Amino acid sequence: MEKSDLLKAIEDWEESVKWIENGWDCIEEYTHDLMSREYLDEEMAKVSKNEIKSYKLHIEKIDQRFLNATYPDDRCVWSSDIENECGYSQEKNWYYYRWPMI
């Protein structure tokens, strides 16, 4: 049986958080890791709330690890041009407004 896109997105985000917890080499790597959280948001929007419910606790734990490894900031990790073009906001795309502590 093939993994669902949602399950793959969860696994990708968890793998990215492992890298973020270990520190980052450059902004390009960090933003690439964060894109996996955006992908997870996109996949969660495609499935029913019932399907998400079974993964909710696991996603929350991964998000908490990310929160513990980063700090909030008003600056988006993307340039202001990309931020505006994509319509990112601190409320919806909270992960793009956090920076690694290491």
PDB file of N, CA and C in Angstrom:
ATOM      1  N   MET A   1       0.838  -1.184   0.000  1.00  0.00           N
ATOM      2  CA  MET A   1       0.000   0.000   0.000  1.00  0.00           C
ATOM      3  C   MET A   1       0.885   1.249   0.000  1.00  0.00           C
ATOM      4  N   GLU A   2       0.546   2.193  -0.834  1.00  0.00           N
ATOM      5  CA  GLU A   2       1.315   3.428  -0.929  1.00  0.00           C
ATOM      6  C   GLU A   2       0.905   4.394   0.186  1.00  0.00           C
ATOM      7  N   LYS A   3       1.886   5.125   0.700  1.00  0.00           N
ATOM      8  CA  LYS A   3       1.603   6.103   1.742  1.00  0.00           C
ATOM      9  C   LYS A   3       0.736   7.226   1.188  1.00  0.00           C
ATOM     10  N   SER A   4      -0.131   7.732   2.041  1.00  0.00           N
ATOM     11  CA  SER A   4      -0.937   8.883   1.633  1.00  0.00           C
ATOM     12  C   SER A   4      -0.029  10.117   1.561  1.00  0.00           C
ATOM     13  N   ASP A   5      -0.467  11.088   0.800  1.00  0.00           N
ATOM     14  CA  ASP A   5       0.298  12.333   0.697  1.00  0.00           C
ATOM     15  C   ASP A   5       0.402  13.023   2.061  1.00  0.00           C
ATOM     16  N   LEU A   6      -0.655  12.899   2.857  1.00  0.00           N
ATOM     17  CA  LEU A   6      -0.629  13.494   4.195  1.00  0.00           C
ATOM     18  C   LEU A   6       0.433  12.828   5.061  1.00  0.00           C
ATOM     19  N   LEU A   7       0.486  11.528   5.052  1.00  0.00           N
ATOM     20  CA  LEU A   7       1.486  10.818   5.851  1.00  0.00           C
ATOM     21  C   LEU A   7       2.898  11.169   5.390  1.00  0.00           C
ATOM     22  N   LYS A   8       3.099  11.253   4.093  1.00  0.00           N
ATOM     23  CA  LYS A   8       4.410  11.647   3.553  1.00  0.00           C
ATOM     24  C   LYS A   8       4.762  13.066   4.009  1.00  0.00           C
ATOM     25  N   ALA A   9       3.793  13.970   3.998  1.00  0.00           N
ATOM     26  CA  ALA A   9       4.038  15.347   4.433  1.00  0.00           C
ATOM     27  C   ALA A   9       4.419  15.399   5.912  1.00  0.00           C
ATOM     28  N   ILE A  10       3.769  14.595   6.727  1.00  0.00           N
ATOM     29  CA  ILE A  10       4.096  14.538   8.160  1.00  0.00           C
ATOM     30  C   ILE A  10       5.525  14.033   8.346  1.00  0.00           C
ATOM     31  N   GLU A  11       5.869  12.973   7.642  1.00  0.00           N
ATOM     32  CA  GLU A  11       7.224  12.418   7.737  1.00  0.00           C
ATOM     33  C   GLU A  11       8.272  13.429   7.271  1.00  0.00           C
ATOM     34  N   ASP A  12       7.985  14.148   6.195  1.00  0.00           N
ATOM     35  CA  ASP A  12       8.925  15.163   5.698  1.00  0.00           C
ATOM     36  C   ASP A  12       9.136  16.273   6.727  1.00  0.00           C
ATOM     37  N   TRP A  13       8.042  16.713   7.356  1.00  0.00           N
ATOM     38  CA  TRP A  13       8.151  17.771   8.369  1.00  0.00           C
ATOM     39  C   TRP A  13       8.959  17.273   9.565  1.00  0.00           C
ATOM     40  N   GLU A  14       8.719  16.052   9.984  1.00  0.00           N
ATOM     41  CA  GLU A  14       9.455  15.502  11.118  1.00  0.00           C
ATOM     42  C   GLU A  14      10.949  15.410  10.799  1.00  0.00           C
ATOM     43  N   GLU A  15      11.278  14.994   9.603  1.00  0.00           N
ATOM     44  CA  GLU A  15      12.684  14.923   9.189  1.00  0.00           C
ATOM     45  C   GLU A  15      13.307  16.319   9.154  1.00  0.00           C
ATOM     46  N   SER A  16      12.568  17.287   8.662  1.00  0.00           N
ATOM     47  CA  SER A  16      13.073  18.664   8.621  1.00  0.00           C
ATOM     48  C   SER A  16      13.342  19.200  10.019  1.00  0.00           C
ATOM     49  N   VAL A  17      12.441  18.904  10.946  1.00  0.00           N
ATOM     50  CA  VAL A  17      12.625  19.388  12.321  1.00  0.00           C
ATOM     51  C   VAL A  17      13.873  18.767  12.939  1.00  0.00           C
ATOM     52  N   LYS A  18      14.175  17.531  12.608  1.00  0.00           N
ATOM     53  CA  LYS A  18      15.415  16.919  13.105  1.00  0.00           C
ATOM     54  C   LYS A  18      16.619  17.745  12.669  1.00  0.00           C
ATOM     55  N   TRP A  19      16.627  18.169  11.413  1.00  0.00           N
ATOM     56  CA  TRP A  19      17.740  18.984  10.903  1.00  0.00           C
ATOM     57  C   TRP A  19      17.773  20.349  11.579  1.00  0.00           C
ATOM     58  N   ILE A  20      16.607  20.949  11.767  1.00  0.00           N
ATOM     59  CA  ILE A  20      16.529  22.272  12.400  1.00  0.00           C
ATOM     60  C   ILE A  20      17.031  22.195  13.835  1.00  0.00           C
ATOM     61  N   GLU A  21      16.687  21.149  14.542  1.00  0.00           N
ATOM     62  CA  GLU A  21      17.140  20.977  15.930  1.00  0.00           C
ATOM     63  C   GLU A  21      18.661  20.866  16.013  1.00  0.00           C
ATOM     64  N   ASN A  22      19.283  20.352  14.975  1.00  0.00           N
ATOM     65  CA  ASN A  22      20.735  20.186  14.967  1.00  0.00           C
ATOM     66  C   ASN A  22      21.486  21.428  14.514  1.00  0.00           C
ATOM     67  N   GLY A  23      20.777  22.462  14.112  1.00  0.00           N
ATOM     68  CA  GLY A  23      21.419  23.678  13.638  1.00  0.00           C
ATOM     69  C   GLY A  23      21.320  23.776  12.132  1.00  0.00           C
ATOM     70  N   TRP A  24      21.671  24.908  11.623  1.00  0.00           N
ATOM     71  CA  TRP A  24      21.525  25.122  10.192  1.00  0.00           C
ATOM     72  C   TRP A  24      22.799  25.678   9.603  1.00  0.00           C
ATOM     73  N   ASP A  25      23.047  25.310   8.358  1.00  0.00           N
ATOM     74  CA  ASP A  25      24.251  25.750   7.662  1.00  0.00           C
ATOM     75  C   ASP A  25      24.045  27.083   6.966  1.00  0.00           C
ATOM     76  N   CYS A  26      22.854  27.267   6.400  1.00  0.00           N
ATOM     77  CA  CYS A  26      22.589  28.493   5.650  1.00  0.00           C
ATOM     78  C   CYS A  26      21.087  28.712   5.543  1.00  0.00           C
ATOM     79  N   ILE A  27      20.727  29.919   5.172  1.00  0.00           N
ATOM     80  CA  ILE A  27      19.312  30.272   5.075  1.00  0.00           C
ATOM     81  C   ILE A  27      18.600  29.430   4.022  1.00  0.00           C
ATOM     82  N   GLU A  28      19.281  29.058   2.954  1.00  0.00           N
ATOM     83  CA  GLU A  28      18.650  28.261   1.907  1.00  0.00           C
ATOM     84  C   GLU A  28      18.219  26.892   2.433  1.00  0.00           C
ATOM     85  N   GLU A  29      19.068  26.273   3.228  1.00  0.00           N
ATOM     86  CA  GLU A  29      18.716  24.977   3.814  1.00  0.00           C
ATOM     87  C   GLU A  29      17.556  25.128   4.793  1.00  0.00           C
ATOM     88  N   TYR A  30      17.604  26.183   5.584  1.00  0.00           N
ATOM     89  CA  TYR A  30      16.553  26.402   6.576  1.00  0.00           C
ATOM     90  C   TYR A  30      15.203  26.638   5.897  1.00  0.00           C
ATOM     91  N   THR A  31      15.173  27.507   4.893  1.00  0.00           N
ATOM     92  CA  THR A  31      13.899  27.762   4.211  1.00  0.00           C
ATOM     93  C   THR A  31      13.400  26.507   3.501  1.00  0.00           C
ATOM     94  N   HIS A  32      14.307  25.721   2.973  1.00  0.00           N
ATOM     95  CA  HIS A  32      13.903  24.460   2.347  1.00  0.00           C
ATOM     96  C   HIS A  32      13.240  23.551   3.376  1.00  0.00           C
ATOM     97  N   ASP A  33      13.822  23.470   4.562  1.00  0.00           N
ATOM     98  CA  ASP A  33      13.217  22.655   5.621  1.00  0.00           C
ATOM     99  C   ASP A  33      11.832  23.172   5.991  1.00  0.00           C
ATOM    100  N   LEU A  34      11.683  24.492   6.046  1.00  0.00           N
ATOM    101  CA  LEU A  34      10.386  25.063   6.412  1.00  0.00           C
ATOM    102  C   LEU A  34       9.322  24.829   5.350  1.00  0.00           C
ATOM    103  N   MET A  35       9.744  24.690   4.109  1.00  0.00           N
ATOM    104  CA  MET A  35       8.781  24.436   3.039  1.00  0.00           C
ATOM    105  C   MET A  35       8.033  23.128   3.263  1.00  0.00           C
ATOM    106  N   SER A  36       8.640  22.204   4.004  1.00  0.00           N
ATOM    107  CA  SER A  36       7.940  20.950   4.286  1.00  0.00           C
ATOM    108  C   SER A  36       6.741  21.191   5.206  1.00  0.00           C
ATOM    109  N   ARG A  37       6.803  22.237   6.041  1.00  0.00           N
ATOM    110  CA  ARG A  37       5.641  22.553   6.891  1.00  0.00           C
ATOM    111  C   ARG A  37       4.526  23.179   6.050  1.00  0.00           C
ATOM    112  N   GLU A  38       4.901  23.986   5.088  1.00  0.00           N
ATOM    113  CA  GLU A  38       3.896  24.549   4.188  1.00  0.00           C
ATOM    114  C   GLU A  38       3.227  23.423   3.392  1.00  0.00           C
ATOM    115  N   TYR A  39       4.014  22.471   2.927  1.00  0.00           N
ATOM    116  CA  TYR A  39       3.491  21.306   2.220  1.00  0.00           C
ATOM    117  C   TYR A  39       2.511  20.542   3.115  1.00  0.00           C
ATOM    118  N   LEU A  40       2.844  20.403   4.386  1.00  0.00           N
ATOM    119  CA  LEU A  40       1.950  19.730   5.321  1.00  0.00           C
ATOM    120  C   LEU A  40       0.629  20.493   5.427  1.00  0.00           C
ATOM    121  N   ASP A  41       0.693  21.813   5.519  1.00  0.00           N
ATOM    122  CA  ASP A  41      -0.530  22.619   5.553  1.00  0.00           C
ATOM    123  C   ASP A  41      -1.383  22.354   4.310  1.00  0.00           C
ATOM    124  N   GLU A  42      -0.738  22.310   3.161  1.00  0.00           N
ATOM    125  CA  GLU A  42      -1.453  22.079   1.902  1.00  0.00           C
ATOM    126  C   GLU A  42      -2.127  20.707   1.897  1.00  0.00           C
ATOM    127  N   GLU A  43      -1.430  19.707   2.387  1.00  0.00           N
ATOM    128  CA  GLU A  43      -1.999  18.359   2.409  1.00  0.00           C
ATOM    129  C   GLU A  43      -3.131  18.248   3.430  1.00  0.00           C
ATOM    130  N   MET A  44      -2.988  18.915   4.568  1.00  0.00           N
ATOM    131  CA  MET A  44      -4.056  18.874   5.568  1.00  0.00           C
ATOM    132  C   MET A  44      -5.327  19.530   5.026  1.00  0.00           C
ATOM    133  N   ALA A  45      -5.174  20.538   4.171  1.00  0.00           N
ATOM    134  CA  ALA A  45      -6.333  21.221   3.601  1.00  0.00           C
ATOM    135  C   ALA A  45      -7.096  20.322   2.615  1.00  0.00           C
ATOM    136  N   LYS A  46      -6.469  19.269   2.144  1.00  0.00           N
ATOM    137  CA  LYS A  46      -7.080  18.381   1.142  1.00  0.00           C
ATOM    138  C   LYS A  46      -7.861  17.224   1.746  1.00  0.00           C
ATOM    139  N   VAL A  47      -7.680  16.974   3.030  1.00  0.00           N
ATOM    140  CA  VAL A  47      -8.312  15.799   3.632  1.00  0.00           C
ATOM    141  C   VAL A  47      -9.361  16.212   4.665  1.00  0.00           C
ATOM    142  N   SER A  48     -10.170  15.262   5.051  1.00  0.00           N
ATOM    143  CA  SER A  48     -11.222  15.539   6.023  1.00  0.00           C
ATOM    144  C   SER A  48     -10.640  15.760   7.419  1.00  0.00           C
ATOM    145  N   LYS A  49     -11.415  16.440   8.232  1.00  0.00           N
ATOM    146  CA  LYS A  49     -10.989  16.669   9.619  1.00  0.00           C
ATOM    147  C   LYS A  49     -10.846  15.350  10.368  1.00  0.00           C
ATOM    148  N   ASN A  50     -11.644  14.378  10.001  1.00  0.00           N
ATOM    149  CA  ASN A  50     -11.538  13.052  10.629  1.00  0.00           C
ATOM    150  C   ASN A  50     -10.188  12.422  10.343  1.00  0.00           C
ATOM    151  N   GLU A  51      -9.721  12.534   9.105  1.00  0.00           N
ATOM    152  CA  GLU A  51      -8.424  11.957   8.759  1.00  0.00           C
ATOM    153  C   GLU A  51      -7.300  12.672   9.499  1.00  0.00           C
ATOM    154  N   ILE A  52      -7.390  13.974   9.591  1.00  0.00           N
ATOM    155  CA  ILE A  52      -6.370  14.756  10.304  1.00  0.00           C
ATOM    156  C   ILE A  52      -6.376  14.404  11.788  1.00  0.00           C
ATOM    157  N   LYS A  53      -7.556  14.162  12.335  1.00  0.00           N
ATOM    158  CA  LYS A  53      -7.692  13.889  13.764  1.00  0.00           C
ATOM    159  C   LYS A  53      -6.770  12.767  14.223  1.00  0.00           C
ATOM    160  N   SER A  54      -6.621  11.734  13.401  1.00  0.00           N
ATOM    161  CA  SER A  54      -5.793  10.605  13.802  1.00  0.00           C
ATOM    162  C   SER A  54      -4.298  10.950  13.838  1.00  0.00           C
ATOM    163  N   TYR A  55      -3.912  12.041  13.178  1.00  0.00           N
ATOM    164  CA  TYR A  55      -2.504  12.456  13.147  1.00  0.00           C
ATOM    165  C   TYR A  55      -2.243  13.721  13.959  1.00  0.00           C
ATOM    166  N   LYS A  56      -3.304  14.324  14.475  1.00  0.00           N
ATOM    167  CA  LYS A  56      -3.203  15.636  15.124  1.00  0.00           C
ATOM    168  C   LYS A  56      -2.167  15.682  16.251  1.00  0.00           C
ATOM    169  N   LEU A  57      -2.205  14.740  17.140  1.00  0.00           N
ATOM    170  CA  LEU A  57      -1.279  14.731  18.268  1.00  0.00           C
ATOM    171  C   LEU A  57       0.170  14.617  17.794  1.00  0.00           C
ATOM    172  N   HIS A  58       0.403  13.776  16.816  1.00  0.00           N
ATOM    173  CA  HIS A  58       1.759  13.608  16.275  1.00  0.00           C
ATOM    174  C   HIS A  58       2.249  14.907  15.630  1.00  0.00           C
ATOM    175  N   ILE A  59       1.405  15.554  14.858  1.00  0.00           N
ATOM    176  CA  ILE A  59       1.769  16.834  14.233  1.00  0.00           C
ATOM    177  C   ILE A  59       2.055  17.878  15.300  1.00  0.00           C
ATOM    178  N   GLU A  60       1.232  17.938  16.331  1.00  0.00           N
ATOM    179  CA  GLU A  60       1.440  18.903  17.415  1.00  0.00           C
ATOM    180  C   GLU A  60       2.780  18.677  18.112  1.00  0.00           C
ATOM    181  N   LYS A  61       3.160  17.428  18.305  1.00  0.00           N
ATOM    182  CA  LYS A  61       4.449  17.124  18.935  1.00  0.00           C
ATOM    183  C   LYS A  61       5.614  17.586  18.058  1.00  0.00           C
ATOM    184  N   ILE A  62       5.509  17.355  16.759  1.00  0.00           N
ATOM    185  CA  ILE A  62       6.564  17.808  15.850  1.00  0.00           C
ATOM    186  C   ILE A  62       6.635  19.337  15.858  1.00  0.00           C
ATOM    187  N   ASP A  63       5.473  19.979  15.785  1.00  0.00           N
ATOM    188  CA  ASP A  63       5.438  21.448  15.823  1.00  0.00           C
ATOM    189  C   ASP A  63       6.054  21.974  17.116  1.00  0.00           C
ATOM    190  N   GLN A  64       5.777  21.313  18.229  1.00  0.00           N
ATOM    191  CA  GLN A  64       6.341  21.762  19.506  1.00  0.00           C
ATOM    192  C   GLN A  64       7.855  21.638  19.518  1.00  0.00           C
ATOM    193  N   ARG A  65       8.371  20.589  18.938  1.00  0.00           N
ATOM    194  CA  ARG A  65       9.834  20.446  18.832  1.00  0.00           C
ATOM    195  C   ARG A  65      10.404  21.607  18.014  1.00  0.00           C
ATOM    196  N   PHE A  66       9.718  21.945  16.929  1.00  0.00           N
ATOM    197  CA  PHE A  66      10.146  23.073  16.113  1.00  0.00           C
ATOM    198  C   PHE A  66      10.098  24.373  16.930  1.00  0.00           C
ATOM    199  N   LEU A  67       9.034  24.585  17.658  1.00  0.00           N
ATOM    200  CA  LEU A  67       8.904  25.794  18.483  1.00  0.00           C
ATOM    201  C   LEU A  67      10.026  25.861  19.524  1.00  0.00           C
ATOM    202  N   ASN A  68      10.380  24.730  20.087  1.00  0.00           N
ATOM    203  CA  ASN A  68      11.446  24.685  21.097  1.00  0.00           C
ATOM    204  C   ASN A  68      12.819  24.981  20.498  1.00  0.00           C
ATOM    205  N   ALA A  69      12.989  24.711  19.219  1.00  0.00           N
ATOM    206  CA  ALA A  69      14.292  24.896  18.564  1.00  0.00           C
ATOM    207  C   ALA A  69      14.420  26.248  17.867  1.00  0.00           C
ATOM    208  N   THR A  70      13.355  27.057  17.931  1.00  0.00           N
ATOM    209  CA  THR A  70      13.341  28.334  17.218  1.00  0.00           C
ATOM    210  C   THR A  70      12.787  29.432  18.115  1.00  0.00           C
ATOM    211  N   TYR A  71      12.909  30.663  17.638  1.00  0.00           N
ATOM    212  CA  TYR A  71      12.299  31.784  18.348  1.00  0.00           C
ATOM    213  C   TYR A  71      11.480  32.610  17.358  1.00  0.00           C
ATOM    214  N   PRO A  72      10.413  33.255  17.851  1.00  0.00           N
ATOM    215  CA  PRO A  72       9.561  34.037  16.967  1.00  0.00           C
ATOM    216  C   PRO A  72      10.215  35.361  16.594  1.00  0.00           C
ATOM    217  N   ASP A  73       9.848  35.860  15.425  1.00  0.00           N
ATOM    218  CA  ASP A  73      10.382  37.134  14.959  1.00  0.00           C
ATOM    219  C   ASP A  73       9.368  37.749  13.999  1.00  0.00           C
ATOM    220  N   ASP A  74       9.361  39.056  13.909  1.00  0.00           N
ATOM    221  CA  ASP A  74       8.475  39.735  12.964  1.00  0.00           C
ATOM    222  C   ASP A  74       8.972  39.588  11.534  1.00  0.00           C
ATOM    223  N   ARG A  75      10.240  39.239  11.379  1.00  0.00           N
ATOM    224  CA  ARG A  75      10.806  39.081  10.037  1.00  0.00           C
ATOM    225  C   ARG A  75      10.468  37.712   9.485  1.00  0.00           C
ATOM    226  N   CYS A  76      10.026  37.687   8.253  1.00  0.00           N
ATOM    227  CA  CYS A  76       9.782  36.436   7.541  1.00  0.00           C
ATOM    228  C   CYS A  76      11.125  35.919   7.039  1.00  0.00           C
ATOM    229  N   VAL A  77      11.293  34.610   7.002  1.00  0.00           N
ATOM    230  CA  VAL A  77      12.558  34.048   6.518  1.00  0.00           C
ATOM    231  C   VAL A  77      12.751  34.312   5.024  1.00  0.00           C
ATOM    232  N   TRP A  78      11.668  34.572   4.328  1.00  0.00           N
ATOM    233  CA  TRP A  78      11.737  34.901   2.912  1.00  0.00           C
ATOM    234  C   TRP A  78      11.933  36.402   2.759  1.00  0.00           C
ATOM    235  N   SER A  79      12.443  36.817   1.639  1.00  0.00           N
ATOM    236  CA  SER A  79      12.569  38.251   1.360  1.00  0.00           C
ATOM    237  C   SER A  79      11.170  38.866   1.364  1.00  0.00           C
ATOM    238  N   SER A  80      11.103  40.161   1.585  1.00  0.00           N
ATOM    239  CA  SER A  80       9.795  40.816   1.630  1.00  0.00           C
ATOM    240  C   SER A  80       9.072  40.692   0.294  1.00  0.00           C
ATOM    241  N   ASP A  81       9.823  40.631  -0.808  1.00  0.00           N
ATOM    242  CA  ASP A  81       9.195  40.448  -2.120  1.00  0.00           C
ATOM    243  C   ASP A  81       8.452  39.117  -2.184  1.00  0.00           C
ATOM    244  N   ILE A  82       9.110  38.051  -1.768  1.00  0.00           N
ATOM    245  CA  ILE A  82       8.483  36.726  -1.784  1.00  0.00           C
ATOM    246  C   ILE A  82       7.349  36.671  -0.761  1.00  0.00           C
ATOM    247  N   GLU A  83       7.591  37.246   0.400  1.00  0.00           N
ATOM    248  CA  GLU A  83       6.574  37.276   1.450  1.00  0.00           C
ATOM    249  C   GLU A  83       5.290  37.917   0.920  1.00  0.00           C
ATOM    250  N   ASN A  84       5.424  39.054   0.253  1.00  0.00           N
ATOM    251  CA  ASN A  84       4.261  39.761  -0.277  1.00  0.00           C
ATOM    252  C   ASN A  84       3.643  39.023  -1.461  1.00  0.00           C
ATOM    253  N   GLU A  85       4.480  38.526  -2.335  1.00  0.00           N
ATOM    254  CA  GLU A  85       4.003  37.816  -3.527  1.00  0.00           C
ATOM    255  C   GLU A  85       3.199  36.577  -3.155  1.00  0.00           C
ATOM    256  N   CYS A  86       3.658  35.844  -2.157  1.00  0.00           N
ATOM    257  CA  CYS A  86       2.995  34.601  -1.746  1.00  0.00           C
ATOM    258  C   CYS A  86       1.891  34.839  -0.725  1.00  0.00           C
ATOM    259  N   GLY A  87       1.825  36.051  -0.192  1.00  0.00           N
ATOM    260  CA  GLY A  87       0.792  36.357   0.786  1.00  0.00           C
ATOM    261  C   GLY A  87       0.994  35.701   2.129  1.00  0.00           C
ATOM    262  N   TYR A  88       2.256  35.483   2.510  1.00  0.00           N
ATOM    263  CA  TYR A  88       2.536  34.874   3.810  1.00  0.00           C
ATOM    264  C   TYR A  88       2.144  35.819   4.936  1.00  0.00           C
ATOM    265  N   SER A  89       1.674  35.243   6.022  1.00  0.00           N
ATOM    266  CA  SER A  89       1.336  36.026   7.209  1.00  0.00           C
ATOM    267  C   SER A  89       1.787  35.265   8.445  1.00  0.00           C
ATOM    268  N   GLN A  90       2.005  36.009   9.520  1.00  0.00           N
ATOM    269  CA  GLN A  90       2.441  35.379  10.766  1.00  0.00           C
ATOM    270  C   GLN A  90       1.373  34.449  11.323  1.00  0.00           C
ATOM    271  N   GLU A  91       0.140  34.762  11.071  1.00  0.00           N
ATOM    272  CA  GLU A  91      -0.937  33.923  11.595  1.00  0.00           C
ATOM    273  C   GLU A  91      -1.039  32.604  10.830  1.00  0.00           C
ATOM    274  N   LYS A  92      -1.077  32.674   9.519  1.00  0.00           N
ATOM    275  CA  LYS A  92      -1.260  31.477   8.710  1.00  0.00           C
ATOM    276  C   LYS A  92       0.038  30.701   8.531  1.00  0.00           C
ATOM    277  N   ASN A  93       1.122  31.386   8.292  1.00  0.00           N
ATOM    278  CA  ASN A  93       2.419  30.760   8.002  1.00  0.00           C
ATOM    279  C   ASN A  93       3.401  31.018   9.133  1.00  0.00           C
ATOM    280  N   TRP A  94       2.984  30.738  10.338  1.00  0.00           N
ATOM    281  CA  TRP A  94       3.742  31.042  11.551  1.00  0.00           C
ATOM    282  C   TRP A  94       5.167  30.506  11.513  1.00  0.00           C
ATOM    283  N   TYR A  95       5.389  29.372  10.863  1.00  0.00           N
ATOM    284  CA  TYR A  95       6.710  28.728  10.795  1.00  0.00           C
ATOM    285  C   TYR A  95       7.720  29.554  10.001  1.00  0.00           C
ATOM    286  N   TYR A  96       7.241  30.404   9.080  1.00  0.00           N
ATOM    287  CA  TYR A  96       8.151  31.263   8.316  1.00  0.00           C
ATOM    288  C   TYR A  96       8.577  32.500   9.101  1.00  0.00           C
ATOM    289  N   TYR A  97       8.039  32.668  10.287  1.00  0.00           N
ATOM    290  CA  TYR A  97       8.377  33.803  11.147  1.00  0.00           C
ATOM    291  C   TYR A  97       9.067  33.330  12.424  1.00  0.00           C
ATOM    292  N   ARG A  98       9.834  32.267  12.282  1.00  0.00           N
ATOM    293  CA  ARG A  98      10.611  31.737  13.400  1.00  0.00           C
ATOM    294  C   ARG A  98      12.024  31.478  12.892  1.00  0.00           C
ATOM    295  N   TRP A  99      12.972  31.693  13.759  1.00  0.00           N
ATOM    296  CA  TRP A  99      14.395  31.555  13.397  1.00  0.00           C
ATOM    297  C   TRP A  99      15.057  30.572  14.359  1.00  0.00           C
ATOM    298  N   PRO A 100      16.004  29.806  13.856  1.00  0.00           N
ATOM    299  CA  PRO A 100      16.675  28.810  14.718  1.00  0.00           C
ATOM    300  C   PRO A 100      17.502  29.472  15.800  1.00  0.00           C
ATOM    301  N   MET A 101      17.536  28.837  16.946  1.00  0.00           N
ATOM    302  CA  MET A 101      18.328  29.359  18.072  1.00  0.00           C
ATOM    303  C   MET A 101      19.794  29.032  17.914  1.00  0.00           C
ATOM    304  N   ILE A 102      20.084  28.010  17.188  1.00  0.00           N
ATOM    305  CA  ILE A 102      21.487  27.580  17.026  1.00  0.00           C
ATOM    306  C   ILE A 102      22.118  28.281  15.857  1.00  0.00           C
TER     307      ILE A 102
END
